[in-house]
Amino acid sequence: MKFTEDQLKLYAAPLSETENQKCLNAIGMVRDALKNLGFTDDGKDIRKMYDDTYAYSLEMRSNVGARKVRLFIQGSYANNTNVRTQSDVDIAVVQEEVFTTEYRSASSAYPQSDKDYNFSTAVPAAKSFKDEVQECLEKKFGTDVERKNKSIKVHGNTYRKDADSVPCRRYRDYRNDYRKDVSNYIPGVVIIPDRGSQIINYPEQHIANGRKKNNDTNRYYKKMVRIIKKMRYLMCDCGYTEAEQVSSFGLESLLWNLPDSLFMKYSTYRYEFGEIVEYLYNHKEEVSSYKEANGIKSLCPTMTAVTDYKNFIDRLFKFYEYDI
């Protein structure tokens, strides 16, 4: 399929201010609902993690006791790589006072344990954090609330977008700490789904790494990410099953692994994206070594995933053609 420069410029464009405001409204509605659980924001404003992202965040604390939560926008809206205006806003609702730790094993030269940090095992709560979040959202939004396997969805309206709040627990990876410093950990989140095993993600590292990559590539990284995401949707619309086997998040990570210099070879979008497609095609055997954009988890943890990305690249190479 042939694409013009004007088409690619449209695909590469970031969110509008209207979409930005709806992101702000979405995190605000979760904040307001949590006040029904006894949390307060102490009058603090919702702020961006970084000025050049839509990754809004807010810390809240309980009026009674030591409970703390952190709210932040994650996913494509936070990373400003969204291309479909109807997609949901993802909001992490992170329980901070109870957390999961990761230590060096007892067989290592420098083993670790809770004793090194004076941590104690939390008493099991009578009600799960996800149940609590669901109840307070239902109290505020009634039947607009729908429980999902990993999240709690609040259906949108003209004022707010559909929002998926993801109740989770803080994950602290201390394996690189040799000072017994309680604050020296790699932060992640632990999602406990209704069905299946727990999931460890690193959304904050994803946001930071994507921002750095974008700055290091003269702002072309996220433009090319939006274009490849749009290509995936177009390929799905054309019935190409290869596009359905990879995710938008995965494509963002796929491009994150490419050399910075590749994104700055051309100022013309159709040539630049063509260069990226050709590079992917010529280097697809390297996909098995690629990381997610957080720089920690493997992009392809299975051979099936490796095959899926190779098949997508092959199809994209045939699909994309620029109009001279």
Protein backbone atom coordinates (compact mmCIF):
# COMPACT_ATOMS: atom_id res chain seq x y z
CA MET A 1 0.00 0.00 0.00
CA LYS A 2 1.37 3.42 -0.93
CA PHE A 3 1.48 6.25 1.61
CA THR A 4 2.03 9.95 1.02
CA GLU A 5 4.10 12.29 3.14
CA ASP A 6 0.93 14.06 4.30
CA GLN A 7 -0.57 10.77 5.44
CA LEU A 8 2.50 9.87 7.47
CA LYS A 9 2.61 13.32 9.05
CA LEU A 10 -0.98 12.81 10.14
CA TYR A 11 -0.19 9.39 11.60
CA ALA A 12 2.85 10.79 13.43
CA ALA A 13 0.96 13.64 15.10
CA PRO A 14 0.67 13.55 18.92
CA LEU A 15 -2.44 13.83 21.04
CA SER A 16 -4.61 16.90 20.78
CA GLU A 17 -5.13 19.19 23.75
CA THR A 18 -8.66 17.80 24.04
CA GLU A 19 -7.30 14.29 24.52
CA ASN A 20 -4.78 15.61 27.02
CA GLN A 21 -7.57 17.18 29.08
CA LYS A 22 -9.52 13.92 29.07
CA CYS A 23 -6.44 12.15 30.48
CA LEU A 24 -6.32 14.72 33.26
CA ASN A 25 -10.03 14.24 33.91
CA ALA A 26 -9.59 10.46 34.07
CA ILE A 27 -6.96 10.50 36.80
CA GLY A 28 -8.99 13.15 38.62
CA MET A 29 -12.04 10.92 38.77
CA VAL A 30 -10.04 8.05 40.32
CA ARG A 31 -8.58 10.48 42.84
CA ASP A 32 -12.06 11.67 43.81
CA ALA A 33 -13.31 8.10 44.16
CA LEU A 34 -10.41 7.14 46.44
CA LYS A 35 -11.44 9.86 48.86
CA ASN A 36 -14.33 7.54 49.70
CA LEU A 37 -11.70 5.12 51.05
CA GLY A 38 -10.37 7.79 53.38
CA PHE A 39 -7.48 8.93 51.20
CA THR A 40 -6.52 12.57 50.81
CA ASP A 41 -4.36 14.41 48.30
CA ASP A 42 -3.64 17.16 50.86
CA GLY A 43 -4.75 19.69 48.28
CA LYS A 44 -1.91 18.82 45.91
CA ASP A 45 -2.34 19.30 42.17
CA ILE A 46 -2.16 16.47 39.68
CA ARG A 47 1.20 16.96 37.99
CA LYS A 48 3.14 15.44 35.11
CA MET A 49 6.10 13.19 35.87
CA TYR A 50 7.90 15.07 33.09
CA ASP A 51 6.84 18.25 31.33
CA ASP A 52 7.05 16.65 27.89
CA THR A 53 4.75 13.69 28.66
CA TYR A 54 1.09 13.13 29.51
CA ALA A 55 2.13 10.93 32.44
CA TYR A 56 0.13 12.67 35.12
CA SER A 57 0.64 11.45 38.67
CA LEU A 58 -0.54 12.09 42.21
CA GLU A 59 0.34 10.72 45.65
CA MET A 60 -2.35 10.23 48.27
CA ARG A 61 -2.30 9.11 51.89
CA SER A 62 -4.85 7.75 54.31
CA ASN A 63 -6.37 10.08 56.86
CA VAL A 64 -5.96 7.25 59.36
CA GLY A 65 -2.95 4.97 59.50
CA ALA A 66 0.07 4.72 57.19
CA ARG A 67 -1.58 3.74 53.93
CA LYS A 68 -0.27 5.40 50.76
CA VAL A 69 -1.21 5.14 47.11
CA ARG A 70 0.27 6.59 43.97
CA LEU A 71 -1.81 7.26 40.90
CA PHE A 72 -0.28 7.74 37.48
CA ILE A 73 -1.25 7.51 33.84
CA GLN A 74 0.57 4.67 32.09
CA GLY A 75 0.55 3.10 28.65
CA SER A 76 0.25 4.86 25.29
CA TYR A 77 -1.32 8.04 26.69
CA ALA A 78 1.45 8.47 29.26
CA ASN A 79 4.06 7.85 26.58
CA ASN A 80 2.29 10.08 24.05
CA THR A 81 2.29 7.30 21.47
CA ASN A 82 -1.47 6.86 21.15
CA VAL A 83 -2.94 6.82 17.65
CA ARG A 84 -6.56 5.83 18.27
CA THR A 85 -8.56 8.45 20.11
CA GLN A 86 -11.12 5.92 21.29
CA SER A 87 -8.61 3.82 23.25
CA ASP A 88 -8.79 3.66 27.03
CA VAL A 89 -6.71 5.68 29.46
CA ASP A 90 -4.74 3.34 31.76
CA ILE A 91 -4.32 4.52 35.34
CA ALA A 92 -2.07 2.66 37.77
CA VAL A 93 -3.38 2.72 41.34
CA VAL A 94 -0.32 1.61 43.29
CA GLN A 95 -0.46 0.47 46.89
CA GLU A 96 2.80 1.74 48.37
CA GLU A 97 2.83 0.81 52.07
CA VAL A 98 2.55 -2.91 51.27
CA PHE A 99 5.03 -4.08 48.67
CA THR A 100 6.70 -7.11 47.15
CA THR A 101 10.48 -7.39 47.32
CA GLU A 102 13.05 -9.08 45.10
CA TYR A 103 16.42 -10.00 46.58
CA ARG A 104 19.65 -11.69 45.56
CA SER A 105 19.33 -15.41 46.30
CA ALA A 106 20.75 -17.12 49.36
CA SER A 107 23.28 -18.89 47.11
CA SER A 108 24.82 -15.62 45.87
CA ALA A 109 28.01 -14.12 47.28
CA TYR A 110 26.01 -11.29 48.84
CA PRO A 111 22.57 -12.63 49.77
CA GLN A 112 19.76 -10.39 51.00
CA SER A 113 16.68 -10.73 53.15
CA ASP A 114 14.01 -8.64 54.88
CA LYS A 115 16.29 -8.36 57.91
CA ASP A 116 18.73 -6.19 55.95
CA TYR A 117 16.02 -3.54 55.60
CA ASN A 118 14.02 -4.11 58.80
CA PHE A 119 10.98 -5.19 56.78
CA SER A 120 8.24 -7.34 58.27
CA THR A 121 5.58 -9.46 56.65
CA ALA A 122 2.27 -7.62 56.26
CA VAL A 123 -0.80 -9.04 57.92
CA PRO A 124 -3.22 -10.29 55.24
CA ALA A 125 -6.02 -7.79 54.68
CA ALA A 126 -9.65 -8.80 55.09
CA LYS A 127 -10.41 -7.36 51.66
CA SER A 128 -8.19 -7.15 48.59
CA PHE A 129 -6.98 -3.76 47.38
CA LYS A 130 -8.69 -4.38 44.06
CA ASP A 131 -12.01 -5.00 45.84
CA GLU A 132 -11.59 -1.76 47.77
CA VAL A 133 -10.87 0.23 44.61
CA GLN A 134 -13.83 -1.33 42.85
CA GLU A 135 -16.18 -0.46 45.69
CA CYS A 136 -15.13 3.18 45.85
CA LEU A 137 -15.40 3.52 42.05
CA GLU A 138 -18.88 1.97 42.13
CA LYS A 139 -19.89 4.35 44.89
CA LYS A 140 -18.99 7.29 42.65
CA PHE A 141 -19.84 6.01 39.15
CA GLY A 142 -22.44 3.29 39.78
CA THR A 143 -23.20 1.02 36.83
CA ASP A 144 -20.52 2.69 34.67
CA VAL A 145 -18.00 0.49 36.52
CA GLU A 146 -17.02 -2.93 35.14
CA ARG A 147 -14.55 -5.33 36.75
CA LYS A 148 -11.99 -6.85 34.37
CA ASN A 149 -9.40 -9.57 34.98
CA LYS A 150 -6.53 -7.13 35.62
CA SER A 151 -8.32 -3.80 35.94
CA ILE A 152 -11.51 -1.97 36.80
CA LYS A 153 -13.03 -0.12 33.88
CA VAL A 154 -15.00 3.10 34.18
CA HIS A 155 -16.95 3.71 30.99
CA GLY A 156 -16.55 7.19 29.58
CA ASN A 157 -18.83 9.95 28.40
CA THR A 158 -18.45 13.33 26.70
CA TYR A 159 -16.43 14.62 29.66
CA ARG A 160 -14.11 11.68 30.26
CA LYS A 161 -12.58 8.85 28.25
CA ASP A 162 -13.02 5.19 29.11
CA ALA A 163 -10.55 4.57 31.92
CA ASP A 164 -8.96 1.32 33.07
CA SER A 165 -7.76 1.69 36.64
CA VAL A 166 -5.21 -1.00 37.50
CA PRO A 167 -4.98 -1.69 41.24
CA CYS A 168 -1.52 -3.03 41.98
CA ARG A 169 1.17 -3.29 44.61
CA ARG A 170 4.59 -1.70 44.57
CA TYR A 171 7.41 -4.01 43.50
CA ARG A 172 10.90 -3.28 44.83
CA ASP A 173 13.88 -4.96 43.19
CA TYR A 174 16.86 -4.62 45.56
CA ARG A 175 19.21 -6.97 43.70
CA ASN A 176 21.54 -4.15 42.65
CA ASP A 177 21.67 -2.61 46.14
CA TYR A 178 24.83 -3.35 48.12
CA ARG A 179 24.43 -0.58 50.72
CA LYS A 180 21.31 -1.90 52.50
CA ASP A 181 19.65 1.33 51.41
CA VAL A 182 15.87 1.03 51.70
CA SER A 183 15.35 3.57 48.92
CA ASN A 184 17.82 1.99 46.48
CA TYR A 185 15.57 -0.26 44.39
CA ILE A 186 14.23 -0.57 40.87
CA PRO A 187 10.53 0.23 41.10
CA GLY A 188 7.88 -1.84 39.40
CA VAL A 189 4.30 -2.87 40.04
CA VAL A 190 2.74 -6.24 40.82
CA ILE A 191 -0.67 -6.89 39.28
CA ILE A 192 -2.70 -9.72 40.82
CA PRO A 193 -5.34 -10.70 38.25
CA ASP A 194 -8.58 -12.47 39.10
CA ARG A 195 -7.39 -15.33 36.89
CA GLY A 196 -3.81 -16.36 36.28
CA SER A 197 -0.45 -15.66 37.89
CA GLN A 198 0.77 -12.32 39.17
CA ILE A 199 2.34 -9.96 36.64
CA ILE A 200 5.35 -7.71 37.24
CA ASN A 201 5.58 -4.63 35.03
CA TYR A 202 7.78 -1.53 34.95
CA PRO A 203 5.59 1.31 33.62
CA GLU A 204 7.64 4.10 35.19
CA GLN A 205 10.84 2.83 33.56
CA HIS A 206 8.97 2.59 30.28
CA ILE A 207 7.95 6.25 30.52
CA ALA A 208 11.47 7.40 31.44
CA ASN A 209 13.18 5.29 28.76
CA GLY A 210 10.74 6.36 26.05
CA ARG A 211 11.25 9.99 26.92
CA LYS A 212 15.05 9.62 26.78
CA LYS A 213 14.89 7.77 23.46
CA ASN A 214 12.68 10.49 22.03
CA ASN A 215 15.03 13.25 23.14
CA ASP A 216 18.08 11.35 21.88
CA THR A 217 16.51 10.96 18.42
CA ASN A 218 15.48 14.58 17.93
CA ARG A 219 11.83 13.65 18.69
CA TYR A 220 11.59 11.15 15.84
CA TYR A 221 11.27 8.00 17.96
CA LYS A 222 7.70 8.62 19.09
CA LYS A 223 6.70 9.90 15.66
CA MET A 224 7.85 6.62 14.12
CA VAL A 225 6.15 4.66 16.91
CA ARG A 226 2.81 6.33 16.11
CA ILE A 227 3.29 5.52 12.43
CA ILE A 228 4.08 1.83 12.99
CA LYS A 229 1.11 1.54 15.36
CA LYS A 230 -1.12 3.05 12.69
CA MET A 231 0.31 0.60 10.15
CA ARG A 232 -0.64 -2.25 12.44
CA TYR A 233 -4.25 -1.05 12.64
CA LEU A 234 -4.41 -0.65 8.87
CA MET A 235 -2.95 -4.12 8.38
CA CYS A 236 -5.55 -5.55 10.78
CA ASP A 237 -8.28 -3.78 8.81
CA CYS A 238 -6.92 -5.43 5.66
CA GLY A 239 -7.19 -8.85 7.29
CA TYR A 240 -3.50 -9.56 7.82
CA THR A 241 -3.35 -11.95 10.76
CA GLU A 242 0.36 -11.18 11.32
CA ALA A 243 -0.65 -7.75 12.63
CA GLU A 244 -3.08 -9.25 15.12
CA GLN A 245 -0.37 -11.37 16.74
CA VAL A 246 1.66 -8.38 18.03
CA SER A 247 0.59 -5.57 20.35
CA SER A 248 0.89 -1.80 20.07
CA PHE A 249 3.01 -1.88 23.23
CA GLY A 250 5.24 -4.50 21.60
CA LEU A 251 5.79 -2.34 18.53
CA GLU A 252 6.76 0.61 20.70
CA SER A 253 9.30 -1.65 22.39
CA LEU A 254 10.46 -3.05 19.05
CA LEU A 255 11.47 0.41 17.85
CA TRP A 256 12.99 1.29 21.24
CA ASN A 257 15.70 -1.33 20.58
CA LEU A 258 16.82 0.22 17.29
CA PRO A 259 19.92 2.47 17.07
CA ASP A 260 19.26 6.16 17.78
CA SER A 261 21.07 7.19 14.60
CA LEU A 262 18.56 5.27 12.49
CA PHE A 263 15.78 7.71 13.46
CA MET A 264 17.68 10.74 12.21
CA LYS A 265 18.79 9.71 8.72
CA TYR A 266 16.00 11.63 6.97
CA SER A 267 13.77 14.56 7.83
CA THR A 268 11.17 13.30 5.35
CA TYR A 269 8.78 10.95 7.12
CA ARG A 270 8.16 8.55 4.25
CA TYR A 271 11.88 7.98 3.74
CA GLU A 272 12.60 7.76 7.46
CA PHE A 273 9.90 5.19 8.13
CA GLY A 274 11.00 3.26 5.06
CA GLU A 275 14.52 3.16 6.49
CA ILE A 276 13.19 1.74 9.76
CA VAL A 277 11.12 -0.92 7.99
CA GLU A 278 14.13 -1.99 5.93
CA TYR A 279 16.34 -2.13 9.03
CA LEU A 280 13.79 -4.31 10.85
CA TYR A 281 13.62 -6.62 7.85
CA ASN A 282 17.40 -6.95 7.55
CA HIS A 283 17.92 -7.42 11.30
CA LYS A 284 14.88 -9.47 12.29
CA GLU A 285 17.09 -12.28 13.65
CA GLU A 286 18.02 -9.89 16.47
CA VAL A 287 14.44 -9.70 17.75
CA SER A 288 15.01 -12.55 20.20
CA SER A 289 17.51 -10.37 22.12
CA TYR A 290 15.30 -7.27 22.30
CA LYS A 291 13.90 -5.88 25.54
CA GLU A 292 10.63 -4.18 26.31
CA ALA A 293 10.89 -0.39 26.40
CA ASN A 294 11.38 -0.60 30.17
CA GLY A 295 14.80 -2.12 29.43
CA ILE A 296 14.22 -5.01 31.86
CA LYS A 297 11.79 -7.61 30.53
CA SER A 298 12.36 -9.57 27.34
CA LEU A 299 10.21 -8.50 24.40
CA CYS A 300 9.98 -12.12 23.22
CA PRO A 301 10.00 -14.49 26.21
CA THR A 302 9.01 -17.45 23.99
CA MET A 303 9.95 -18.73 20.56
CA THR A 304 6.33 -18.22 19.53
CA ALA A 305 6.69 -14.50 20.27
CA VAL A 306 9.90 -14.36 18.23
CA THR A 307 8.10 -15.93 15.28
CA ASP A 308 5.17 -13.54 15.65
CA TYR A 309 7.41 -10.47 15.44
CA LYS A 310 9.37 -11.86 12.50
CA ASN A 311 6.14 -12.59 10.65
CA PHE A 312 4.87 -9.09 11.36
CA ILE A 313 8.10 -7.54 10.07
CA ASP A 314 7.91 -9.63 6.89
CA ARG A 315 4.33 -8.53 6.27
CA LEU A 316 5.10 -4.87 7.08
CA PHE A 317 8.01 -4.94 4.60
CA LYS A 318 5.60 -5.99 1.86
CA PHE A 319 2.77 -3.72 3.04
CA TYR A 320 4.56 -0.39 3.32
CA GLU A 321 5.46 1.58 0.23
CA TYR A 322 5.87 5.35 0.03
CA ASP A 323 4.44 7.49 -2.73
CA ILE A 324 7.16 9.43 -4.52
